[in-house]
Amino acid sequence: MAGPFETRSIKRVINDVENVAKNYDLVNFQLKGFGYFDNPNGKVIFADIEPSKELEELRWELATRLTKYAELKEWDKDKKFSFHATIAFKDIDRKFPDIWRYLKSKEVPNINQYLLRITILGKGRRIVCEYDLMLKRILNRRQALSKKIWIITKFILRLKLFRRRLVGAIKKIFWWS
């Protein structure tokens, strides 16, 4: 949602991520296909993401806060952001035609997803911590990598989605029948 960027205050980044993200619950988006672009270090292949209004707001709120003390890239300062998930980069130029042909042979994904965590990376792109939107808290590196905590996160997502469907069904029965 922003980055890579430089800052002298990783604690402030963590605090801002937590303070912004705690105001969001079920933040959905859709995977809508694949794309690629060239950057100075070579080609980058990505999954194209169609954001929800909530995801756009969350990203913009974070970027606005980070701009005050972090050296963001130009594209991170723009409200109109190109949402994507990187699939492959670094040394793929030689393999690019084969990778791209393989992706194009697959059915175009049209998958509804939910943002579960926001990851803060440090030096060497190593996980410093993550904010878990389902648990509503910061996870340290060990917790962020824990399979047990990941299972709990996914379980809470399922509960929230079930609750949403149940409330919708109840409203349909009692208020719109």
C-alpha atoms as a PDB file:
ATOM      1  CA  MET A   1       0.000   0.000   0.000  1.00  0.00           C
ATOM      2  CA  ALA A   2       3.086   2.178   0.285  1.00  0.00           C
ATOM      3  CA  GLY A   3       6.721   1.553  -0.297  1.00  0.00           C
ATOM      4  CA  PRO A   4       9.397   0.900  -0.303  1.00  0.00           C
ATOM      5  CA  PHE A   5      10.212   4.056   1.657  1.00  0.00           C
ATOM      6  CA  GLU A   6      12.802   5.421   4.058  1.00  0.00           C
ATOM      7  CA  THR A   7      12.105   6.670   7.571  1.00  0.00           C
ATOM      8  CA  ARG A   8      14.020   7.289  10.757  1.00  0.00           C
ATOM      9  CA  SER A   9      11.036   6.336  12.900  1.00  0.00           C
ATOM     10  CA  ILE A  10       9.802   2.781  12.400  1.00  0.00           C
ATOM     11  CA  LYS A  11       7.938   3.092  15.731  1.00  0.00           C
ATOM     12  CA  ARG A  12       5.941   6.002  14.314  1.00  0.00           C
ATOM     13  CA  VAL A  13       5.102   3.923  11.218  1.00  0.00           C
ATOM     14  CA  ILE A  14       3.892   1.063  13.429  1.00  0.00           C
ATOM     15  CA  ASN A  15       1.829   3.478  15.540  1.00  0.00           C
ATOM     16  CA  ASP A  16       0.262   5.108  12.461  1.00  0.00           C
ATOM     17  CA  VAL A  17      -0.548   1.766  10.828  1.00  0.00           C
ATOM     18  CA  GLU A  18      -2.246   0.618  14.026  1.00  0.00           C
ATOM     19  CA  ASN A  19      -4.159   3.888  14.539  1.00  0.00           C
ATOM     20  CA  VAL A  20      -5.441   3.929  10.952  1.00  0.00           C
ATOM     21  CA  ALA A  21      -6.137   0.214  10.503  1.00  0.00           C
ATOM     22  CA  LYS A  22      -8.069  -0.194  13.762  1.00  0.00           C
ATOM     23  CA  ASN A  23     -10.875   1.827  12.151  1.00  0.00           C
ATOM     24  CA  TYR A  24     -11.382  -0.762   9.400  1.00  0.00           C
ATOM     25  CA  ASP A  25     -12.931  -4.197   9.615  1.00  0.00           C
ATOM     26  CA  LEU A  26     -13.789  -6.169   6.478  1.00  0.00           C
ATOM     27  CA  VAL A  27     -11.749  -4.509   3.722  1.00  0.00           C
ATOM     28  CA  ASN A  28     -12.430  -6.309   0.482  1.00  0.00           C
ATOM     29  CA  PHE A  29     -10.928  -6.213  -2.992  1.00  0.00           C
ATOM     30  CA  GLN A  30     -10.981  -8.304  -6.167  1.00  0.00           C
ATOM     31  CA  LEU A  31      -8.196  -9.929  -8.139  1.00  0.00           C
ATOM     32  CA  LYS A  32      -8.952  -9.034 -11.764  1.00  0.00           C
ATOM     33  CA  GLY A  33      -6.195 -10.470 -13.937  1.00  0.00           C
ATOM     34  CA  PHE A  34      -2.482 -10.125 -14.529  1.00  0.00           C
ATOM     35  CA  GLY A  35      -0.207  -7.424 -15.815  1.00  0.00           C
ATOM     36  CA  TYR A  36       3.429  -6.421 -16.002  1.00  0.00           C
ATOM     37  CA  PHE A  37       5.601  -3.353 -16.165  1.00  0.00           C
ATOM     38  CA  ASP A  38       9.241  -2.571 -16.731  1.00  0.00           C
ATOM     39  CA  ASN A  39      11.205  -0.860 -14.019  1.00  0.00           C
ATOM     40  CA  PRO A  40      14.908   0.018 -13.925  1.00  0.00           C
ATOM     41  CA  ASN A  41      15.750  -3.371 -12.377  1.00  0.00           C
ATOM     42  CA  GLY A  42      13.761  -5.436 -14.902  1.00  0.00           C
ATOM     43  CA  LYS A  43      10.241  -6.663 -15.435  1.00  0.00           C
ATOM     44  CA  VAL A  44       7.627  -7.014 -12.687  1.00  0.00           C
ATOM     45  CA  ILE A  45       4.621  -9.338 -13.036  1.00  0.00           C
ATOM     46  CA  PHE A  46       1.607  -8.594 -10.879  1.00  0.00           C
ATOM     47  CA  ALA A  47      -1.976  -9.527 -10.107  1.00  0.00           C
ATOM     48  CA  ASP A  48      -4.267  -6.608 -10.854  1.00  0.00           C
ATOM     49  CA  ILE A  49      -6.401  -5.549  -7.892  1.00  0.00           C
ATOM     50  CA  GLU A  50      -9.712  -3.714  -8.034  1.00  0.00           C
ATOM     51  CA  PRO A  51      -9.970  -2.030  -4.630  1.00  0.00           C
ATOM     52  CA  SER A  52     -13.095  -1.411  -2.624  1.00  0.00           C
ATOM     53  CA  LYS A  53     -13.845   2.107  -1.405  1.00  0.00           C
ATOM     54  CA  GLU A  54     -12.602   1.023   2.050  1.00  0.00           C
ATOM     55  CA  LEU A  55      -9.261  -0.183   0.682  1.00  0.00           C
ATOM     56  CA  GLU A  56      -8.769   3.072  -1.231  1.00  0.00           C
ATOM     57  CA  GLU A  57      -9.568   5.083   1.917  1.00  0.00           C
ATOM     58  CA  LEU A  58      -7.287   2.969   4.122  1.00  0.00           C
ATOM     59  CA  ARG A  59      -4.358   3.321   1.707  1.00  0.00           C
ATOM     60  CA  TRP A  60      -4.844   7.072   1.284  1.00  0.00           C
ATOM     61  CA  GLU A  61      -5.140   7.655   5.033  1.00  0.00           C
ATOM     62  CA  LEU A  62      -1.912   5.722   5.612  1.00  0.00           C
ATOM     63  CA  ALA A  63      -0.068   7.476   2.778  1.00  0.00           C
ATOM     64  CA  THR A  64      -1.173  10.887   4.057  1.00  0.00           C
ATOM     65  CA  ARG A  65       0.173  10.145   7.519  1.00  0.00           C
ATOM     66  CA  LEU A  66       3.418   8.594   6.288  1.00  0.00           C
ATOM     67  CA  THR A  67       4.142  11.545   3.968  1.00  0.00           C
ATOM     68  CA  LYS A  68       4.683  13.744   7.035  1.00  0.00           C
ATOM     69  CA  TYR A  69       7.906  11.951   8.038  1.00  0.00           C
ATOM     70  CA  ALA A  70       8.777   9.246   5.482  1.00  0.00           C
ATOM     71  CA  GLU A  71      10.323   9.588   2.048  1.00  0.00           C
ATOM     72  CA  LEU A  72       7.563   8.042  -0.069  1.00  0.00           C
ATOM     73  CA  LYS A  73       7.805   7.324  -3.785  1.00  0.00           C
ATOM     74  CA  GLU A  74       5.858   9.640  -6.096  1.00  0.00           C
ATOM     75  CA  TRP A  75       3.218   6.998  -6.863  1.00  0.00           C
ATOM     76  CA  ASP A  76       2.518   6.606  -3.132  1.00  0.00           C
ATOM     77  CA  LYS A  77       1.734  10.331  -2.808  1.00  0.00           C
ATOM     78  CA  ASP A  78      -0.951  10.207  -5.506  1.00  0.00           C
ATOM     79  CA  LYS A  79      -4.529   9.590  -4.377  1.00  0.00           C
ATOM     80  CA  LYS A  80      -5.157   7.601  -7.572  1.00  0.00           C
ATOM     81  CA  PHE A  81      -3.095   4.507  -6.847  1.00  0.00           C
ATOM     82  CA  SER A  82      -2.537   1.450  -9.023  1.00  0.00           C
ATOM     83  CA  PHE A  83      -3.345  -1.432  -6.694  1.00  0.00           C
ATOM     84  CA  HIS A  84      -1.499  -4.653  -7.490  1.00  0.00           C
ATOM     85  CA  ALA A  85       0.159  -7.660  -5.864  1.00  0.00           C
ATOM     86  CA  THR A  86       3.621  -8.473  -7.145  1.00  0.00           C
ATOM     87  CA  ILE A  87       3.943 -12.076  -8.297  1.00  0.00           C
ATOM     88  CA  ALA A  88       7.468 -12.109  -9.724  1.00  0.00           C
ATOM     89  CA  PHE A  89      10.404  -9.729 -10.069  1.00  0.00           C
ATOM     90  CA  LYS A  90      14.215  -9.852  -9.826  1.00  0.00           C
ATOM     91  CA  ASP A  91      16.011 -11.731 -12.555  1.00  0.00           C
ATOM     92  CA  ILE A  92      12.884 -12.776 -14.492  1.00  0.00           C
ATOM     93  CA  ASP A  93      13.717 -11.038 -17.782  1.00  0.00           C
ATOM     94  CA  ARG A  94      15.107 -14.264 -19.272  1.00  0.00           C
ATOM     95  CA  LYS A  95      12.123 -16.299 -18.081  1.00  0.00           C
ATOM     96  CA  PHE A  96       9.522 -13.583 -18.682  1.00  0.00           C
ATOM     97  CA  PRO A  97       8.102 -14.930 -21.992  1.00  0.00           C
ATOM     98  CA  ASP A  98       7.494 -18.370 -20.443  1.00  0.00           C
ATOM     99  CA  ILE A  99       5.977 -16.961 -17.244  1.00  0.00           C
ATOM    100  CA  TRP A 100       3.754 -14.560 -19.179  1.00  0.00           C
ATOM    101  CA  ARG A 101       2.604 -17.277 -21.605  1.00  0.00           C
ATOM    102  CA  TYR A 102       1.750 -19.524 -18.638  1.00  0.00           C
ATOM    103  CA  LEU A 103      -0.298 -16.791 -16.910  1.00  0.00           C
ATOM    104  CA  LYS A 104      -2.123 -15.946 -20.136  1.00  0.00           C
ATOM    105  CA  SER A 105      -3.074 -19.608 -20.568  1.00  0.00           C
ATOM    106  CA  LYS A 106      -4.880 -19.558 -17.223  1.00  0.00           C
ATOM    107  CA  GLU A 107      -8.404 -18.369 -16.640  1.00  0.00           C
ATOM    108  CA  VAL A 108      -8.490 -14.691 -15.705  1.00  0.00           C
ATOM    109  CA  PRO A 109      -8.970 -14.582 -11.948  1.00  0.00           C
ATOM    110  CA  ASN A 110     -12.029 -12.784 -10.642  1.00  0.00           C
ATOM    111  CA  ILE A 111     -11.664 -13.541  -6.964  1.00  0.00           C
ATOM    112  CA  ASN A 112     -13.142 -11.666  -4.001  1.00  0.00           C
ATOM    113  CA  GLN A 113     -10.613 -11.279  -1.201  1.00  0.00           C
ATOM    114  CA  TYR A 114     -10.268  -9.538   2.159  1.00  0.00           C
ATOM    115  CA  LEU A 115      -7.301  -7.630   3.520  1.00  0.00           C
ATOM    116  CA  LEU A 116      -6.264  -9.495   6.644  1.00  0.00           C
ATOM    117  CA  ARG A 117      -2.900  -7.993   7.531  1.00  0.00           C
ATOM    118  CA  ILE A 118      -0.730  -4.970   6.846  1.00  0.00           C
ATOM    119  CA  THR A 119       2.953  -5.886   6.887  1.00  0.00           C
ATOM    120  CA  ILE A 120       5.723  -3.504   7.880  1.00  0.00           C
ATOM    121  CA  LEU A 121       9.043  -4.502   6.374  1.00  0.00           C
ATOM    122  CA  GLY A 122      12.454  -3.377   7.550  1.00  0.00           C
ATOM    123  CA  LYS A 123      15.970  -3.717   6.212  1.00  0.00           C
ATOM    124  CA  GLY A 124      16.351  -6.483   3.665  1.00  0.00           C
ATOM    125  CA  ARG A 125      12.551  -6.635   3.286  1.00  0.00           C
ATOM    126  CA  ARG A 126      12.380  -8.582   6.548  1.00  0.00           C
ATOM    127  CA  ILE A 127       9.075  -8.545   8.454  1.00  0.00           C
ATOM    128  CA  VAL A 128       9.258  -6.167  11.418  1.00  0.00           C
ATOM    129  CA  CYS A 129       5.620  -6.638  12.404  1.00  0.00           C
ATOM    130  CA  GLU A 130       2.099  -6.891  11.024  1.00  0.00           C
ATOM    131  CA  TYR A 131      -1.208  -5.329  11.925  1.00  0.00           C
ATOM    132  CA  ASP A 132      -3.910  -8.005  11.921  1.00  0.00           C
ATOM    133  CA  LEU A 133      -7.282  -6.501  10.945  1.00  0.00           C
ATOM    134  CA  MET A 134      -9.224  -9.455  12.346  1.00  0.00           C
ATOM    135  CA  LEU A 135      -7.434  -9.544  15.713  1.00  0.00           C
ATOM    136  CA  LYS A 136      -7.227  -5.714  15.790  1.00  0.00           C
ATOM    137  CA  ARG A 137      -3.628  -5.698  17.007  1.00  0.00           C
ATOM    138  CA  ILE A 138       0.031  -5.513  16.086  1.00  0.00           C
ATOM    139  CA  LEU A 139       1.824  -8.847  15.778  1.00  0.00           C
ATOM    140  CA  ASN A 140       5.568  -9.038  16.273  1.00  0.00           C
ATOM    141  CA  ARG A 141       7.626 -10.960  13.691  1.00  0.00           C
ATOM    142  CA  ARG A 142       7.320 -14.298  15.505  1.00  0.00           C
ATOM    143  CA  GLN A 143       3.548 -13.898  15.877  1.00  0.00           C
ATOM    144  CA  ALA A 144       3.168 -12.740  12.265  1.00  0.00           C
ATOM    145  CA  LEU A 145       4.864 -15.935  11.072  1.00  0.00           C
ATOM    146  CA  SER A 146       2.932 -18.195  13.464  1.00  0.00           C
ATOM    147  CA  LYS A 147       0.696 -20.748  11.718  1.00  0.00           C
ATOM    148  CA  LYS A 148      -1.447 -20.977  14.866  1.00  0.00           C
ATOM    149  CA  ILE A 149      -2.189 -17.235  14.875  1.00  0.00           C
ATOM    150  CA  TRP A 150      -2.834 -17.326  11.095  1.00  0.00           C
ATOM    151  CA  ILE A 151      -5.463 -20.047  11.653  1.00  0.00           C
ATOM    152  CA  ILE A 152      -7.133 -17.861  14.303  1.00  0.00           C
ATOM    153  CA  THR A 153      -7.113 -14.877  11.911  1.00  0.00           C
ATOM    154  CA  LYS A 154      -8.808 -16.930   9.170  1.00  0.00           C
ATOM    155  CA  PHE A 155     -11.347 -18.306  11.669  1.00  0.00           C
ATOM    156  CA  ILE A 156     -12.308 -14.792  12.789  1.00  0.00           C
ATOM    157  CA  LEU A 157     -12.713 -13.769   9.125  1.00  0.00           C
ATOM    158  CA  ARG A 158     -15.102 -16.697   8.593  1.00  0.00           C
ATOM    159  CA  LEU A 159     -17.075 -15.710  11.698  1.00  0.00           C
ATOM    160  CA  LYS A 160     -17.386 -12.099  10.529  1.00  0.00           C
ATOM    161  CA  LEU A 161     -18.499 -13.179   7.053  1.00  0.00           C
ATOM    162  CA  PHE A 162     -21.025 -15.618   8.564  1.00  0.00           C
ATOM    163  CA  ARG A 163     -22.358 -12.873  10.847  1.00  0.00           C
ATOM    164  CA  ARG A 164     -22.704 -10.526   7.872  1.00  0.00           C
ATOM    165  CA  ARG A 165     -24.679 -13.126   5.884  1.00  0.00           C
ATOM    166  CA  LEU A 166     -26.834 -14.000   8.910  1.00  0.00           C
ATOM    167  CA  VAL A 167     -27.702 -10.363   9.621  1.00  0.00           C
ATOM    168  CA  GLY A 168     -28.518  -9.887   5.927  1.00  0.00           C
ATOM    169  CA  ALA A 169     -30.806 -12.931   5.941  1.00  0.00           C
ATOM    170  CA  ILE A 170     -32.571 -11.805   9.121  1.00  0.00           C
ATOM    171  CA  LYS A 171     -33.144  -8.319   7.690  1.00  0.00           C
ATOM    172  CA  LYS A 172     -34.528  -9.852   4.520  1.00  0.00           C
ATOM    173  CA  ILE A 173     -36.954 -12.035   6.456  1.00  0.00           C
ATOM    174  CA  PHE A 174     -38.183  -9.486   8.976  1.00  0.00           C
ATOM    175  CA  TRP A 175     -37.799  -6.077   7.374  1.00  0.00           C
ATOM    176  CA  TRP A 176     -38.265  -6.572   3.647  1.00  0.00           C
ATOM    177  CA  SER A 177     -40.791  -9.369   3.363  1.00  0.00           C
END
